[in-house]
PDB file of N, CA and C in Angstrom:
ATOM      1  N   UNK A   1      -7.569 -12.758   7.312  1.00  0.00           N
ATOM      2  CA  UNK A   1      -6.286 -13.371   7.522  1.00  0.00           C
ATOM      3  C   UNK A   1      -5.278 -12.272   7.859  1.00  0.00           C
ATOM      4  N   UNK A   2      -4.334 -12.581   8.720  1.00  0.00           N
ATOM      5  CA  UNK A   2      -3.306 -11.628   9.107  1.00  0.00           C
ATOM      6  C   UNK A   2      -2.034 -11.910   8.296  1.00  0.00           C
ATOM      7  N   UNK A   3      -1.526 -10.874   7.639  1.00  0.00           N
ATOM      8  CA  UNK A   3      -0.328 -10.987   6.814  1.00  0.00           C
ATOM      9  C   UNK A   3       0.777 -10.108   7.371  1.00  0.00           C
ATOM     10  N   UNK A   4       2.015 -10.519   7.126  1.00  0.00           N
ATOM     11  CA  UNK A   4       3.179  -9.702   7.439  1.00  0.00           C
ATOM     12  C   UNK A   4       3.777  -9.201   6.137  1.00  0.00           C
ATOM     13  N   UNK A   5       4.193  -7.943   6.139  1.00  0.00           N
ATOM     14  CA  UNK A   5       4.804  -7.366   4.959  1.00  0.00           C
ATOM     15  C   UNK A   5       5.908  -6.403   5.350  1.00  0.00           C
ATOM     16  N   UNK A   6       6.685  -6.008   4.362  1.00  0.00           N
ATOM     17  CA  UNK A   6       7.773  -5.071   4.637  1.00  0.00           C
ATOM     18  C   UNK A   6       8.341  -4.531   3.333  1.00  0.00           C
ATOM     19  N   UNK A   7       9.202  -3.538   3.500  1.00  0.00           N
ATOM     20  CA  UNK A   7      10.017  -3.085   2.375  1.00  0.00           C
ATOM     21  C   UNK A   7      11.081  -4.152   2.125  1.00  0.00           C
ATOM     22  N   UNK A   8      11.975  -3.938   1.197  1.00  0.00           N
ATOM     23  CA  UNK A   8      12.983  -4.929   0.849  1.00  0.00           C
ATOM     24  C   UNK A   8      13.965  -5.212   1.982  1.00  0.00           C
ATOM     25  N   UNK A   9      14.417  -4.162   2.669  1.00  0.00           N
ATOM     26  CA  UNK A   9      15.429  -4.332   3.717  1.00  0.00           C
ATOM     27  C   UNK A   9      14.831  -4.628   5.091  1.00  0.00           C
ATOM     28  N   UNK A  10      13.507  -4.506   5.245  1.00  0.00           N
ATOM     29  CA  UNK A  10      12.855  -4.769   6.513  1.00  0.00           C
ATOM     30  C   UNK A  10      12.802  -3.578   7.456  1.00  0.00           C
ATOM     31  N   UNK A  11      13.316  -2.455   7.020  1.00  0.00           N
ATOM     32  CA  UNK A  11      13.321  -1.240   7.839  1.00  0.00           C
ATOM     33  C   UNK A  11      11.910  -0.721   8.106  1.00  0.00           C
ATOM     34  N   UNK A  12      10.978  -0.998   7.177  1.00  0.00           N
ATOM     35  CA  UNK A  12       9.565  -0.663   7.344  1.00  0.00           C
ATOM     36  C   UNK A  12       8.800  -1.985   7.261  1.00  0.00           C
ATOM     37  N   UNK A  13       8.264  -2.419   8.404  1.00  0.00           N
ATOM     38  CA  UNK A  13       7.536  -3.688   8.463  1.00  0.00           C
ATOM     39  C   UNK A  13       6.150  -3.440   9.054  1.00  0.00           C
ATOM     40  N   UNK A  14       5.198  -4.279   8.641  1.00  0.00           N
ATOM     41  CA  UNK A  14       3.819  -4.099   9.087  1.00  0.00           C
ATOM     42  C   UNK A  14       3.084  -5.427   9.110  1.00  0.00           C
ATOM     43  N   UNK A  15       1.940  -5.420   9.773  1.00  0.00           N
ATOM     44  CA  UNK A  15       0.962  -6.495   9.695  1.00  0.00           C
ATOM     45  C   UNK A  15      -0.319  -5.885   9.166  1.00  0.00           C
ATOM     46  N   UNK A  16      -1.033  -6.651   8.367  1.00  0.00           N
ATOM     47  CA  UNK A  16      -2.305  -6.162   7.830  1.00  0.00           C
ATOM     48  C   UNK A  16      -3.296  -7.315   7.797  1.00  0.00           C
ATOM     49  N   UNK A  17      -4.513  -6.996   8.167  1.00  0.00           N
ATOM     50  CA  UNK A  17      -5.573  -7.989   8.152  1.00  0.00           C
ATOM     51  C   UNK A  17      -6.460  -7.756   6.938  1.00  0.00           C
ATOM     52  N   UNK A  18      -6.697  -8.832   6.178  1.00  0.00           N
ATOM     53  CA  UNK A  18      -7.555  -8.721   5.008  1.00  0.00           C
ATOM     54  C   UNK A  18      -7.594 -10.002   4.221  1.00  0.00           C
ATOM     55  N   UNK A  19      -8.477 -10.048   3.253  1.00  0.00           N
ATOM     56  CA  UNK A  19      -8.577 -11.148   2.294  1.00  0.00           C
ATOM     57  C   UNK A  19      -8.224 -10.550   0.943  1.00  0.00           C
ATOM     58  N   UNK A  20      -7.088 -10.906   0.405  1.00  0.00           N
ATOM     59  CA  UNK A  20      -6.587 -10.263  -0.797  1.00  0.00           C
ATOM     60  C   UNK A  20      -6.716 -11.208  -1.995  1.00  0.00           C
ATOM     61  N   UNK A  21      -7.749 -10.963  -2.786  1.00  0.00           N
ATOM     62  CA  UNK A  21      -7.975 -11.734  -4.010  1.00  0.00           C
ATOM     63  C   UNK A  21      -7.920 -10.844  -5.242  1.00  0.00           C
ATOM     64  N   UNK A  22      -8.018  -9.529  -5.015  1.00  0.00           N
ATOM     65  CA  UNK A  22      -7.976  -8.562  -6.112  1.00  0.00           C
ATOM     66  C   UNK A  22      -6.940  -7.499  -5.811  1.00  0.00           C
ATOM     67  N   UNK A  23      -6.409  -6.910  -6.864  1.00  0.00           N
ATOM     68  CA  UNK A  23      -5.467  -5.806  -6.721  1.00  0.00           C
ATOM     69  C   UNK A  23      -5.790  -4.747  -7.763  1.00  0.00           C
ATOM     70  N   UNK A  24      -5.488  -3.517  -7.417  1.00  0.00           N
ATOM     71  CA  UNK A  24      -5.681  -2.393  -8.324  1.00  0.00           C
ATOM     72  C   UNK A  24      -4.330  -2.001  -8.907  1.00  0.00           C
ATOM     73  N   UNK A  25      -4.256  -1.928 -10.204  1.00  0.00           N
ATOM     74  CA  UNK A  25      -3.067  -1.452 -10.907  1.00  0.00           C
ATOM     75  C   UNK A  25      -3.310   0.025 -11.196  1.00  0.00           C
ATOM     76  N   UNK A  26      -2.866   0.873 -10.279  1.00  0.00           N
ATOM     77  CA  UNK A  26      -3.127   2.308 -10.378  1.00  0.00           C
ATOM     78  C   UNK A  26      -2.332   2.913 -11.529  1.00  0.00           C
ATOM     79  N   UNK A  27      -2.961   3.856 -12.238  1.00  0.00           N
ATOM     80  CA  UNK A  27      -2.295   4.475 -13.388  1.00  0.00           C
ATOM     81  C   UNK A  27      -1.777   5.882 -13.090  1.00  0.00           C
ATOM     82  N   UNK A  28      -1.713   6.275 -11.806  1.00  0.00           N
ATOM     83  CA  UNK A  28      -1.162   7.600 -11.519  1.00  0.00           C
ATOM     84  C   UNK A  28       0.329   7.609 -11.863  1.00  0.00           C
ATOM     85  N   UNK A  29       0.889   8.782 -11.971  1.00  0.00           N
ATOM     86  CA  UNK A  29       2.283   8.901 -12.404  1.00  0.00           C
ATOM     87  C   UNK A  29       3.259   8.217 -11.450  1.00  0.00           C
ATOM     88  N   UNK A  30       2.950   8.154 -10.172  1.00  0.00           N
ATOM     89  CA  UNK A  30       3.836   7.498  -9.207  1.00  0.00           C
ATOM     90  C   UNK A  30       3.676   5.982  -9.255  1.00  0.00           C
ATOM     91  N   UNK A  31       2.459   5.505  -9.101  1.00  0.00           N
ATOM     92  CA  UNK A  31       2.222   4.052  -9.066  1.00  0.00           C
ATOM     93  C   UNK A  31       2.622   3.364 -10.373  1.00  0.00           C
ATOM     94  N   UNK A  32       2.350   3.993 -11.490  1.00  0.00           N
ATOM     95  CA  UNK A  32       2.689   3.352 -12.767  1.00  0.00           C
ATOM     96  C   UNK A  32       4.201   3.206 -12.923  1.00  0.00           C
ATOM     97  N   UNK A  33       4.959   4.097 -12.324  1.00  0.00           N
ATOM     98  CA  UNK A  33       6.424   4.006 -12.409  1.00  0.00           C
ATOM     99  C   UNK A  33       7.008   2.998 -11.443  1.00  0.00           C
ATOM    100  N   UNK A  34       6.368   2.819 -10.286  1.00  0.00           N
ATOM    101  CA  UNK A  34       6.950   1.887  -9.307  1.00  0.00           C
ATOM    102  C   UNK A  34       6.360   0.488  -9.393  1.00  0.00           C
ATOM    103  N   UNK A  35       5.253   0.313 -10.100  1.00  0.00           N
ATOM    104  CA  UNK A  35       4.734  -1.023 -10.357  1.00  0.00           C
ATOM    105  C   UNK A  35       4.018  -1.696  -9.205  1.00  0.00           C
ATOM    106  N   UNK A  36       3.499  -0.939  -8.266  1.00  0.00           N
ATOM    107  CA  UNK A  36       2.790  -1.541  -7.150  1.00  0.00           C
ATOM    108  C   UNK A  36       1.428  -2.074  -7.560  1.00  0.00           C
ATOM    109  N   UNK A  37       0.986  -3.097  -6.854  1.00  0.00           N
ATOM    110  CA  UNK A  37      -0.371  -3.626  -6.992  1.00  0.00           C
ATOM    111  C   UNK A  37      -1.049  -3.385  -5.656  1.00  0.00           C
ATOM    112  N   UNK A  38      -2.127  -2.611  -5.657  1.00  0.00           N
ATOM    113  CA  UNK A  38      -2.708  -2.107  -4.425  1.00  0.00           C
ATOM    114  C   UNK A  38      -3.983  -2.818  -4.008  1.00  0.00           C
ATOM    115  N   UNK A  39      -4.131  -2.945  -2.702  1.00  0.00           N
ATOM    116  CA  UNK A  39      -5.387  -3.375  -2.081  1.00  0.00           C
ATOM    117  C   UNK A  39      -5.668  -2.384  -0.962  1.00  0.00           C
ATOM    118  N   UNK A  40      -6.939  -2.139  -0.709  1.00  0.00           N
ATOM    119  CA  UNK A  40      -7.325  -1.118   0.258  1.00  0.00           C
ATOM    120  C   UNK A  40      -7.994  -1.754   1.471  1.00  0.00           C
ATOM    121  N   UNK A  41      -7.615  -1.266   2.651  1.00  0.00           N
ATOM    122  CA  UNK A  41      -8.183  -1.746   3.906  1.00  0.00           C
ATOM    123  C   UNK A  41      -8.453  -0.545   4.806  1.00  0.00           C
ATOM    124  N   UNK A  42      -9.378  -0.685   5.759  1.00  0.00           N
ATOM    125  CA  UNK A  42      -9.512   0.368   6.762  1.00  0.00           C
ATOM    126  C   UNK A  42      -8.168   0.544   7.489  1.00  0.00           C
ATOM    127  N   UNK A  43      -7.804   1.775   7.790  1.00  0.00           N
ATOM    128  CA  UNK A  43      -6.489   2.057   8.371  1.00  0.00           C
ATOM    129  C   UNK A  43      -6.220   1.256   9.638  1.00  0.00           C
ATOM    130  N   UNK A  44      -7.259   0.977  10.427  1.00  0.00           N
ATOM    131  CA  UNK A  44      -7.039   0.247  11.680  1.00  0.00           C
ATOM    132  C   UNK A  44      -6.634  -1.210  11.451  1.00  0.00           C
ATOM    133  N   UNK A  45      -6.756  -1.705  10.214  1.00  0.00           N
ATOM    134  CA  UNK A  45      -6.339  -3.078   9.898  1.00  0.00           C
ATOM    135  C   UNK A  45      -4.833  -3.171   9.623  1.00  0.00           C
ATOM    136  N   UNK A  46      -4.149  -2.035   9.562  1.00  0.00           N
ATOM    137  CA  UNK A  46      -2.703  -1.987   9.313  1.00  0.00           C
ATOM    138  C   UNK A  46      -1.999  -1.592  10.606  1.00  0.00           C
ATOM    139  N   UNK A  47      -1.019  -2.398  11.015  1.00  0.00           N
ATOM    140  CA  UNK A  47      -0.236  -2.107  12.217  1.00  0.00           C
ATOM    141  C   UNK A  47       1.232  -2.040  11.826  1.00  0.00           C
ATOM    142  N   UNK A  48       1.842  -0.907  12.052  1.00  0.00           N
ATOM    143  CA  UNK A  48       3.261  -0.732  11.784  1.00  0.00           C
ATOM    144  C   UNK A  48       4.044  -1.466  12.865  1.00  0.00           C
ATOM    145  N   UNK A  49       5.001  -2.307  12.481  1.00  0.00           N
ATOM    146  CA  UNK A  49       5.781  -3.107  13.427  1.00  0.00           C
ATOM    147  C   UNK A  49       7.172  -2.538  13.676  1.00  0.00           C
ATOM    148  N   UNK A  50       7.521  -1.498  12.988  1.00  0.00           N
ATOM    149  CA  UNK A  50       8.818  -0.851  13.158  1.00  0.00           C
ATOM    150  C   UNK A  50       8.564   0.602  13.569  1.00  0.00           C
ATOM    151  N   UNK A  51       9.564   1.292  14.077  1.00  0.00           N
ATOM    152  CA  UNK A  51       9.348   2.684  14.503  1.00  0.00           C
ATOM    153  C   UNK A  51       8.857   3.577  13.365  1.00  0.00           C
ATOM    154  N   UNK A  52       7.944   4.504  13.708  1.00  0.00           N
ATOM    155  CA  UNK A  52       7.433   5.440  12.705  1.00  0.00           C
ATOM    156  C   UNK A  52       8.541   6.250  12.064  1.00  0.00           C
ATOM    157  N   UNK A  53       9.628   6.468  12.780  1.00  0.00           N
ATOM    158  CA  UNK A  53      10.765   7.222  12.232  1.00  0.00           C
ATOM    159  C   UNK A  53      11.407   6.517  11.041  1.00  0.00           C
ATOM    160  N   UNK A  54      11.154   5.224  10.873  1.00  0.00           N
ATOM    161  CA  UNK A  54      11.709   4.477   9.743  1.00  0.00           C
ATOM    162  C   UNK A  54      10.957   4.754   8.443  1.00  0.00           C
ATOM    163  N   UNK A  55       9.786   5.371   8.547  1.00  0.00           N
ATOM    164  CA  UNK A  55       8.921   5.594   7.392  1.00  0.00           C
ATOM    165  C   UNK A  55       9.141   7.001   6.840  1.00  0.00           C
ATOM    166  N   UNK A  56       9.419   7.083   5.550  1.00  0.00           N
ATOM    167  CA  UNK A  56       9.484   8.367   4.851  1.00  0.00           C
ATOM    168  C   UNK A  56       8.188   8.528   4.066  1.00  0.00           C
ATOM    169  N   UNK A  57       7.821   9.766   3.783  1.00  0.00           N
ATOM    170  CA  UNK A  57       6.540  10.034   3.141  1.00  0.00           C
ATOM    171  C   UNK A  57       6.709  11.003   1.990  1.00  0.00           C
ATOM    172  N   UNK A  58       5.945  10.726   0.936  1.00  0.00           N
ATOM    173  CA  UNK A  58       5.939  11.586  -0.246  1.00  0.00           C
ATOM    174  C   UNK A  58       4.492  11.901  -0.594  1.00  0.00           C
ATOM    175  N   UNK A  59       4.210  13.158  -0.902  1.00  0.00           N
ATOM    176  CA  UNK A  59       2.893  13.545  -1.401  1.00  0.00           C
ATOM    177  C   UNK A  59       3.090  14.330  -2.691  1.00  0.00           C
ATOM    178  N   UNK A  60       2.082  14.336  -3.531  1.00  0.00           N
ATOM    179  CA  UNK A  60       2.139  15.117  -4.765  1.00  0.00           C
ATOM    180  C   UNK A  60       0.724  15.459  -5.192  1.00  0.00           C
ATOM    181  N   UNK A  61       0.596  16.205  -6.259  1.00  0.00           N
ATOM    182  CA  UNK A  61      -0.690  16.630  -6.806  1.00  0.00           C
ATOM    183  C   UNK A  61      -1.488  17.358  -5.723  1.00  0.00           C
ATOM    184  N   UNK A  62      -2.588  16.792  -5.255  1.00  0.00           N
ATOM    185  CA  UNK A  62      -3.421  17.463  -4.251  1.00  0.00           C
ATOM    186  C   UNK A  62      -2.931  17.220  -2.822  1.00  0.00           C
ATOM    187  N   UNK A  63      -1.908  16.418  -2.641  1.00  0.00           N
ATOM    188  CA  UNK A  63      -1.292  16.130  -1.335  1.00  0.00           C
ATOM    189  C   UNK A  63      -2.260  15.494  -0.344  1.00  0.00           C
ATOM    190  N   UNK A  64      -3.169  14.671  -0.825  1.00  0.00           N
ATOM    191  CA  UNK A  64      -4.130  14.021   0.061  1.00  0.00           C
ATOM    192  C   UNK A  64      -3.767  12.574   0.372  1.00  0.00           C
ATOM    193  N   UNK A  65      -2.910  11.963  -0.444  1.00  0.00           N
ATOM    194  CA  UNK A  65      -2.449  10.599  -0.192  1.00  0.00           C
ATOM    195  C   UNK A  65      -1.014  10.674   0.308  1.00  0.00           C
ATOM    196  N   UNK A  66      -0.768  10.021   1.447  1.00  0.00           N
ATOM    197  CA  UNK A  66       0.582   9.960   1.995  1.00  0.00           C
ATOM    198  C   UNK A  66       1.204   8.637   1.532  1.00  0.00           C
ATOM    199  N   UNK A  67       2.078   8.728   0.555  1.00  0.00           N
ATOM    200  CA  UNK A  67       2.764   7.557   0.003  1.00  0.00           C
ATOM    201  C   UNK A  67       3.984   7.295   0.876  1.00  0.00           C
ATOM    202  N   UNK A  68       3.979   6.176   1.598  1.00  0.00           N
ATOM    203  CA  UNK A  68       5.068   5.868   2.519  1.00  0.00           C
ATOM    204  C   UNK A  68       6.084   4.946   1.853  1.00  0.00           C
ATOM    205  N   UNK A  69       7.343   5.182   2.168  1.00  0.00           N
ATOM    206  CA  UNK A  69       8.413   4.372   1.597  1.00  0.00           C
ATOM    207  C   UNK A  69       9.572   4.296   2.577  1.00  0.00           C
ATOM    208  N   UNK A  70      10.507   3.410   2.294  1.00  0.00           N
ATOM    209  CA  UNK A  70      11.707   3.248   3.099  1.00  0.00           C
ATOM    210  C   UNK A  70      12.819   4.103   2.505  1.00  0.00           C
ATOM    211  N   UNK A  71      13.396   4.983   3.306  1.00  0.00           N
ATOM    212  CA  UNK A  71      14.488   5.829   2.819  1.00  0.00           C
ATOM    213  C   UNK A  71      15.762   5.029   2.592  1.00  0.00           C
ATOM    214  N   UNK A  72      15.842   3.831   3.150  1.00  0.00           N
ATOM    215  CA  UNK A  72      17.035   3.001   2.984  1.00  0.00           C
ATOM    216  C   UNK A  72      17.022   2.239   1.656  1.00  0.00           C
ATOM    217  N   UNK A  73      15.930   1.491   1.378  1.00  0.00           N
ATOM    218  CA  UNK A  73      15.899   0.671   0.159  1.00  0.00           C
ATOM    219  C   UNK A  73      14.992   1.239  -0.932  1.00  0.00           C
ATOM    220  N   UNK A  74      14.151   2.217  -0.590  1.00  0.00           N
ATOM    221  CA  UNK A  74      13.305   2.877  -1.576  1.00  0.00           C
ATOM    222  C   UNK A  74      11.967   2.219  -1.861  1.00  0.00           C
ATOM    223  N   UNK A  75      11.690   1.073  -1.260  1.00  0.00           N
ATOM    224  CA  UNK A  75      10.441   0.369  -1.527  1.00  0.00           C
ATOM    225  C   UNK A  75       9.279   1.055  -0.817  1.00  0.00           C
ATOM    226  N   UNK A  76       8.116   1.099  -1.493  1.00  0.00           N
ATOM    227  CA  UNK A  76       6.918   1.753  -0.959  1.00  0.00           C
ATOM    228  C   UNK A  76       5.876   0.697  -0.598  1.00  0.00           C
ATOM    229  N   UNK A  77       5.812   0.261   0.665  1.00  0.00           N
ATOM    230  CA  UNK A  77       4.903  -0.816   1.035  1.00  0.00           C
ATOM    231  C   UNK A  77       3.447  -0.415   1.260  1.00  0.00           C
ATOM    232  N   UNK A  78       3.193   0.855   1.604  1.00  0.00           N
ATOM    233  CA  UNK A  78       1.810   1.249   1.842  1.00  0.00           C
ATOM    234  C   UNK A  78       1.660   2.762   1.787  1.00  0.00           C
ATOM    235  N   UNK A  79       0.410   3.184   1.718  1.00  0.00           N
ATOM    236  CA  UNK A  79       0.079   4.599   1.744  1.00  0.00           C
ATOM    237  C   UNK A  79      -1.136   4.806   2.629  1.00  0.00           C
ATOM    238  N   UNK A  80      -1.449   6.052   2.915  1.00  0.00           N
ATOM    239  CA  UNK A  80      -2.595   6.375   3.757  1.00  0.00           C
ATOM    240  C   UNK A  80      -3.343   7.569   3.177  1.00  0.00           C
ATOM    241  N   UNK A  81      -4.662   7.529   3.344  1.00  0.00           N
ATOM    242  CA  UNK A  81      -5.507   8.635   2.906  1.00  0.00           C
ATOM    243  C   UNK A  81      -6.872   8.476   3.555  1.00  0.00           C
ATOM    244  N   UNK A  82      -7.739   9.405   3.259  1.00  0.00           N
ATOM    245  CA  UNK A  82      -9.119   9.329   3.699  1.00  0.00           C
ATOM    246  C   UNK A  82      -9.950   8.926   2.489  1.00  0.00           C
ATOM    247  N   UNK A  83     -10.781   7.903   2.660  1.00  0.00           N
ATOM    248  CA  UNK A  83     -11.612   7.414   1.567  1.00  0.00           C
ATOM    249  C   UNK A  83     -12.744   8.377   1.244  1.00  0.00           C
ATOM    250  N   UNK A  84     -13.468   8.124   0.163  1.00  0.00           N
ATOM    251  CA  UNK A  84     -14.548   9.004  -0.274  1.00  0.00           C
ATOM    252  C   UNK A  84     -15.655   9.200   0.767  1.00  0.00           C
ATOM    253  N   UNK A  85     -15.818   8.238   1.667  1.00  0.00           N
ATOM    254  CA  UNK A  85     -16.863   8.340   2.691  1.00  0.00           C
ATOM    255  C   UNK A  85     -16.316   8.863   4.021  1.00  0.00           C
ATOM    256  N   UNK A  86     -15.068   9.354   4.015  1.00  0.00           N
ATOM    257  CA  UNK A  86     -14.492   9.968   5.200  1.00  0.00           C
ATOM    258  C   UNK A  86     -13.741   9.050   6.138  1.00  0.00           C
ATOM    259  N   UNK A  87     -13.623   7.779   5.823  1.00  0.00           N
ATOM    260  CA  UNK A  87     -12.925   6.824   6.683  1.00  0.00           C
ATOM    261  C   UNK A  87     -11.430   6.795   6.360  1.00  0.00           C
ATOM    262  N   UNK A  88     -10.616   6.644   7.384  1.00  0.00           N
ATOM    263  CA  UNK A  88      -9.172   6.504   7.189  1.00  0.00           C
ATOM    264  C   UNK A  88      -8.904   5.157   6.518  1.00  0.00           C
ATOM    265  N   UNK A  89      -8.105   5.185   5.447  1.00  0.00           N
ATOM    266  CA  UNK A  89      -7.814   3.988   4.656  1.00  0.00           C
ATOM    267  C   UNK A  89      -6.311   3.811   4.491  1.00  0.00           C
ATOM    268  N   UNK A  90      -5.914   2.571   4.236  1.00  0.00           N
ATOM    269  CA  UNK A  90      -4.526   2.268   3.879  1.00  0.00           C
ATOM    270  C   UNK A  90      -4.534   1.545   2.543  1.00  0.00           C
ATOM    271  N   UNK A  91      -3.603   1.911   1.687  1.00  0.00           N
ATOM    272  CA  UNK A  91      -3.414   1.197   0.422  1.00  0.00           C
ATOM    273  C   UNK A  91      -2.159   0.355   0.594  1.00  0.00           C
ATOM    274  N   UNK A  92      -2.310  -0.932   0.443  1.00  0.00           N
ATOM    275  CA  UNK A  92      -1.226  -1.879   0.677  1.00  0.00           C
ATOM    276  C   UNK A  92      -0.654  -2.313  -0.664  1.00  0.00           C
ATOM    277  N   UNK A  93       0.660  -2.228  -0.805  1.00  0.00           N
ATOM    278  CA  UNK A  93       1.327  -2.753  -1.991  1.00  0.00           C
ATOM    279  C   UNK A  93       1.456  -4.257  -1.789  1.00  0.00           C
ATOM    280  N   UNK A  94       0.615  -5.025  -2.444  1.00  0.00           N
ATOM    281  CA  UNK A  94       0.602  -6.469  -2.234  1.00  0.00           C
ATOM    282  C   UNK A  94       1.908  -7.136  -2.639  1.00  0.00           C
ATOM    283  N   UNK A  95       2.707  -6.485  -3.444  1.00  0.00           N
ATOM    284  CA  UNK A  95       4.018  -7.032  -3.789  1.00  0.00           C
ATOM    285  C   UNK A  95       4.957  -7.052  -2.580  1.00  0.00           C
ATOM    286  N   UNK A  96       4.589  -6.358  -1.522  1.00  0.00           N
ATOM    287  CA  UNK A  96       5.410  -6.302  -0.308  1.00  0.00           C
ATOM    288  C   UNK A  96       4.976  -7.318   0.745  1.00  0.00           C
ATOM    289  N   UNK A  97       4.055  -8.190   0.393  1.00  0.00           N
ATOM    290  CA  UNK A  97       3.611  -9.254   1.296  1.00  0.00           C
ATOM    291  C   UNK A  97       3.996 -10.587   0.668  1.00  0.00           C
ATOM    292  N   UNK A  98       5.069 -11.228   1.157  1.00  0.00           N
ATOM    293  CA  UNK A  98       5.545 -12.469   0.533  1.00  0.00           C
ATOM    294  C   UNK A  98       4.502 -13.581   0.467  1.00  0.00           C
ATOM    295  N   UNK A  99       3.572 -13.654   1.410  1.00  0.00           N
ATOM    296  CA  UNK A  99       2.595 -14.744   1.428  1.00  0.00           C
ATOM    297  C   UNK A  99       1.469 -14.568   0.407  1.00  0.00           C
ATOM    298  N   UNK A 100       1.357 -13.404  -0.210  1.00  0.00           N
ATOM    299  CA  UNK A 100       0.321 -13.190  -1.225  1.00  0.00           C
ATOM    300  C   UNK A 100       0.833 -13.713  -2.567  1.00  0.00           C
ATOM    301  N   UNK A 101       0.051 -14.600  -3.181  1.00  0.00           N
ATOM    302  CA  UNK A 101       0.382 -15.144  -4.499  1.00  0.00           C
ATOM    303  C   UNK A 101      -0.091 -14.142  -5.559  1.00  0.00           C
ATOM    304  N   UNK A 102       0.836 -13.338  -6.047  1.00  0.00           N
ATOM    305  CA  UNK A 102       0.502 -12.286  -7.015  1.00  0.00           C
ATOM    306  C   UNK A 102      -0.150 -12.877  -8.264  1.00  0.00           C
ATOM    307  N   UNK A 103       0.292 -14.047  -8.687  1.00  0.00           N
ATOM    308  CA  UNK A 103      -0.255 -14.678  -9.880  1.00  0.00           C
ATOM    309  C   UNK A 103      -1.700 -15.118  -9.732  1.00  0.00           C
ATOM    310  N   UNK A 104      -2.165 -15.277  -8.493  1.00  0.00           N
ATOM    311  CA  UNK A 104      -3.535 -15.713  -8.259  1.00  0.00           C
ATOM    312  C   UNK A 104      -4.508 -14.541  -8.118  1.00  0.00           C
ATOM    313  N   UNK A 105      -3.999 -13.326  -8.080  1.00  0.00           N
ATOM    314  CA  UNK A 105      -4.844 -12.147  -7.914  1.00  0.00           C
ATOM    315  C   UNK A 105      -5.572 -11.791  -9.210  1.00  0.00           C
ATOM    316  N   UNK A 106      -6.763 -11.256  -9.069  1.00  0.00           N
ATOM    317  CA  UNK A 106      -7.442 -10.612 -10.176  1.00  0.00           C
ATOM    318  C   UNK A 106      -6.966  -9.164 -10.167  1.00  0.00           C
ATOM    319  N   UNK A 107      -6.259  -8.760 -11.198  1.00  0.00           N
ATOM    320  CA  UNK A 107      -5.712  -7.406 -11.258  1.00  0.00           C
ATOM    321  C   UNK A 107      -6.623  -6.552 -12.131  1.00  0.00           C
ATOM    322  N   UNK A 108      -7.076  -5.454 -11.541  1.00  0.00           N
ATOM    323  CA  UNK A 108      -7.959  -4.537 -12.256  1.00  0.00           C
ATOM    324  C   UNK A 108      -7.227  -3.225 -12.518  1.00  0.00           C
ATOM    325  N   UNK A 109      -7.310  -2.756 -13.718  1.00  0.00           N
ATOM    326  CA  UNK A 109      -6.719  -1.452 -14.063  1.00  0.00           C
ATOM    327  C   UNK A 109      -7.593  -0.370 -13.484  1.00  0.00           C
ATOM    328  N   UNK A 110      -6.987   0.664 -12.943  1.00  0.00           N
ATOM    329  CA  UNK A 110      -7.726   1.798 -12.427  1.00  0.00           C
ATOM    330  C   UNK A 110      -8.378   2.512 -13.603  1.00  0.00           C
ATOM    331  N   UNK A 111      -9.687   2.726 -13.491  1.00  0.00           N
ATOM    332  CA  UNK A 111     -10.418   3.348 -14.590  1.00  0.00           C
ATOM    333  C   UNK A 111     -10.978   4.718 -14.243  1.00  0.00           C
ATOM    334  N   UNK A 112     -10.584   5.247 -13.094  1.00  0.00           N
ATOM    335  CA  UNK A 112     -11.076   6.541 -12.678  1.00  0.00           C
ATOM    336  C   UNK A 112     -12.330   6.459 -11.845  1.00  0.00           C
ATOM    337  N   UNK A 113     -13.006   5.324 -11.835  1.00  0.00           N
ATOM    338  CA  UNK A 113     -14.237   5.170 -11.061  1.00  0.00           C
ATOM    339  C   UNK A 113     -14.060   4.248  -9.864  1.00  0.00           C
ATOM    340  N   UNK A 114     -12.945   3.566  -9.764  1.00  0.00           N
ATOM    341  CA  UNK A 114     -12.715   2.605  -8.683  1.00  0.00           C
ATOM    342  C   UNK A 114     -12.286   3.338  -7.421  1.00  0.00           C
ATOM    343  N   UNK A 115     -13.245   3.846  -6.691  1.00  0.00           N
ATOM    344  CA  UNK A 115     -12.933   4.613  -5.469  1.00  0.00           C
ATOM    345  C   UNK A 115     -13.552   3.974  -4.288  1.00  0.00           C
TER     346      UNK A 115
END
């Protein structure tokens, strides 16, 4: 299914293709503070609908995950990294997709092995 998502102000908007029934509640210091619920898709399933200049990026720790956010409203709709098998991946904050019913998701806590 194709979904539309964005930050709060719409400055960073995207489309993503996927079936979202589960979400990961990441326990890293960044995700636990911002409260995102993540789903992972191959990077080619995510299409940015606004100019790349609208996206700000933050990295920390090993600097391998590019956490993208809107410099205007501060919301972080997605991130990018390379998965364990070498494929480009996107982590989607499902809270940034209005059509996803958050209450219907199976939310799994990150246990260190969910890669």
